[in-house]
Amino acid sequence: MQTLVHSNKTEDIKIKIRYDKVFTMNKDGRGGGFSFIWKGSIKGEIVLFSENITNLQIEEDIFGKWVLKGYNEFPDYGNHETC
């Protein structure tokens, strides 16, 4: 989810919706940040973290391993495929 709040607020959201895990890239000034929130029954691990891209590797029984990518104000919007 894209967010304009800091990690303390996303931690509150995680608790209210009864999820177990949260990773938040805090906003920078007026720029947006983002959060991944997931249940503990799903194995999730941050495998790439940078200023513009975060990859969360998910492992589950049905689909196996896959990657959820979060983009944060990538400077070349036409070039997401190369990430």
C-alpha atoms as a PDB file:
ATOM      1  CA  MET A   1       0.000   0.000   0.000  1.00  0.00           C
ATOM      2  CA  GLN A   2       1.262   3.478  -0.756  1.00  0.00           C
ATOM      3  CA  THR A   3       1.260   5.645   2.324  1.00  0.00           C
ATOM      4  CA  LEU A   4       2.004   9.141   3.566  1.00  0.00           C
ATOM      5  CA  VAL A   5       2.484   7.940   7.143  1.00  0.00           C
ATOM      6  CA  HIS A   6       5.470   6.663   9.089  1.00  0.00           C
ATOM      7  CA  SER A   7       6.138   3.170  10.385  1.00  0.00           C
ATOM      8  CA  ASN A   8       4.578   3.860  13.793  1.00  0.00           C
ATOM      9  CA  LYS A   9       1.193   4.425  12.099  1.00  0.00           C
ATOM     10  CA  THR A  10       1.498   1.364   9.840  1.00  0.00           C
ATOM     11  CA  GLU A  11       2.293  -0.684  12.949  1.00  0.00           C
ATOM     12  CA  ASP A  12      -1.024   0.543  14.409  1.00  0.00           C
ATOM     13  CA  ILE A  13      -2.838  -0.426  11.177  1.00  0.00           C
ATOM     14  CA  LYS A  14      -1.245  -3.889  11.273  1.00  0.00           C
ATOM     15  CA  ILE A  15      -2.548  -4.429  14.807  1.00  0.00           C
ATOM     16  CA  LYS A  16      -6.052  -3.136  13.996  1.00  0.00           C
ATOM     17  CA  ILE A  17      -6.469  -5.451  11.001  1.00  0.00           C
ATOM     18  CA  ARG A  18      -4.918  -8.371  12.934  1.00  0.00           C
ATOM     19  CA  TYR A  19      -1.982  -9.007  10.626  1.00  0.00           C
ATOM     20  CA  ASP A  20       1.395 -10.138  11.927  1.00  0.00           C
ATOM     21  CA  LYS A  21       4.149  -8.613   9.790  1.00  0.00           C
ATOM     22  CA  VAL A  22       4.824  -5.157   8.404  1.00  0.00           C
ATOM     23  CA  PHE A  23       7.618  -3.514   6.434  1.00  0.00           C
ATOM     24  CA  THR A  24       7.433   0.243   5.878  1.00  0.00           C
ATOM     25  CA  MET A  25       9.515   2.573   3.745  1.00  0.00           C
ATOM     26  CA  ASN A  26       8.841   5.895   5.450  1.00  0.00           C
ATOM     27  CA  LYS A  27       7.845   8.891   3.390  1.00  0.00           C
ATOM     28  CA  ASP A  28      10.526  11.409   2.474  1.00  0.00           C
ATOM     29  CA  GLY A  29       9.214  14.919   3.036  1.00  0.00           C
ATOM     30  CA  ARG A  30       6.018  15.233   0.998  1.00  0.00           C
ATOM     31  CA  GLY A  31       6.864  12.181  -1.105  1.00  0.00           C
ATOM     32  CA  GLY A  32       4.971   8.986  -0.460  1.00  0.00           C
ATOM     33  CA  GLY A  33       6.325   5.901   1.196  1.00  0.00           C
ATOM     34  CA  PHE A  34       4.863   2.412   1.102  1.00  0.00           C
ATOM     35  CA  SER A  35       4.160  -0.587   3.294  1.00  0.00           C
ATOM     36  CA  PHE A  36       3.834  -4.322   2.937  1.00  0.00           C
ATOM     37  CA  ILE A  37       1.537  -5.881   5.551  1.00  0.00           C
ATOM     38  CA  TRP A  38       1.028  -9.650   5.665  1.00  0.00           C
ATOM     39  CA  LYS A  39      -0.119 -12.497   7.889  1.00  0.00           C
ATOM     40  CA  GLY A  40       2.385 -14.630   9.779  1.00  0.00           C
ATOM     41  CA  SER A  41       1.109 -17.778   8.070  1.00  0.00           C
ATOM     42  CA  ILE A  42       2.797 -16.513   4.889  1.00  0.00           C
ATOM     43  CA  LYS A  43       6.577 -16.586   4.817  1.00  0.00           C
ATOM     44  CA  GLY A  44       7.790 -13.184   3.671  1.00  0.00           C
ATOM     45  CA  GLU A  45      11.333 -11.875   3.437  1.00  0.00           C
ATOM     46  CA  ILE A  46      12.730  -8.593   2.115  1.00  0.00           C
ATOM     47  CA  VAL A  47      15.293  -9.703  -0.486  1.00  0.00           C
ATOM     48  CA  LEU A  48      16.066  -6.313  -2.072  1.00  0.00           C
ATOM     49  CA  PHE A  49      15.810  -2.903  -0.503  1.00  0.00           C
ATOM     50  CA  SER A  50      16.862   0.410  -2.009  1.00  0.00           C
ATOM     51  CA  GLU A  51      15.608   3.982  -2.126  1.00  0.00           C
ATOM     52  CA  ASN A  52      13.348   3.220  -5.093  1.00  0.00           C
ATOM     53  CA  ILE A  53      12.659  -0.528  -5.107  1.00  0.00           C
ATOM     54  CA  THR A  54      11.818  -3.117  -2.465  1.00  0.00           C
ATOM     55  CA  ASN A  55      11.283  -6.807  -3.241  1.00  0.00           C
ATOM     56  CA  LEU A  56       9.351  -8.969  -0.803  1.00  0.00           C
ATOM     57  CA  GLN A  57       9.818 -12.679  -1.525  1.00  0.00           C
ATOM     58  CA  ILE A  58       6.716 -14.659  -0.588  1.00  0.00           C
ATOM     59  CA  GLU A  59       6.675 -18.407  -0.027  1.00  0.00           C
ATOM     60  CA  GLU A  60       3.344 -20.189   0.247  1.00  0.00           C
ATOM     61  CA  ASP A  61       2.066 -23.729  -0.207  1.00  0.00           C
ATOM     62  CA  ILE A  62      -0.175 -23.155  -3.230  1.00  0.00           C
ATOM     63  CA  PHE A  63       1.956 -20.879  -5.441  1.00  0.00           C
ATOM     64  CA  GLY A  64       5.453 -21.598  -4.117  1.00  0.00           C
ATOM     65  CA  LYS A  65       7.939 -18.708  -4.147  1.00  0.00           C
ATOM     66  CA  TRP A  66       7.180 -15.421  -5.871  1.00  0.00           C
ATOM     67  CA  VAL A  67       8.243 -11.781  -5.511  1.00  0.00           C
ATOM     68  CA  LEU A  68       6.120  -8.735  -4.773  1.00  0.00           C
ATOM     69  CA  LYS A  69       7.875  -5.560  -5.954  1.00  0.00           C
ATOM     70  CA  GLY A  70       7.293  -2.118  -4.496  1.00  0.00           C
ATOM     71  CA  TYR A  71       8.369   0.931  -6.486  1.00  0.00           C
ATOM     72  CA  ASN A  72       8.839   4.246  -4.746  1.00  0.00           C
ATOM     73  CA  GLU A  73       9.052   7.230  -7.080  1.00  0.00           C
ATOM     74  CA  PHE A  74      11.264   5.465  -9.607  1.00  0.00           C
ATOM     75  CA  PRO A  75      12.902   8.284 -11.604  1.00  0.00           C
ATOM     76  CA  ASP A  76      12.440   6.645 -15.038  1.00  0.00           C
ATOM     77  CA  TYR A  77       8.801   5.541 -15.110  1.00  0.00           C
ATOM     78  CA  GLY A  78       9.144   3.976 -18.547  1.00  0.00           C
ATOM     79  CA  ASN A  79      11.949   1.723 -17.372  1.00  0.00           C
ATOM     80  CA  HIS A  80      10.295  -0.446 -14.657  1.00  0.00           C
ATOM     81  CA  GLU A  81      10.831  -3.608 -16.693  1.00  0.00           C
ATOM     82  CA  THR A  82      14.618  -3.386 -16.240  1.00  0.00           C
ATOM     83  CA  CYS A  83      14.266  -3.526 -12.459  1.00  0.00           C
END
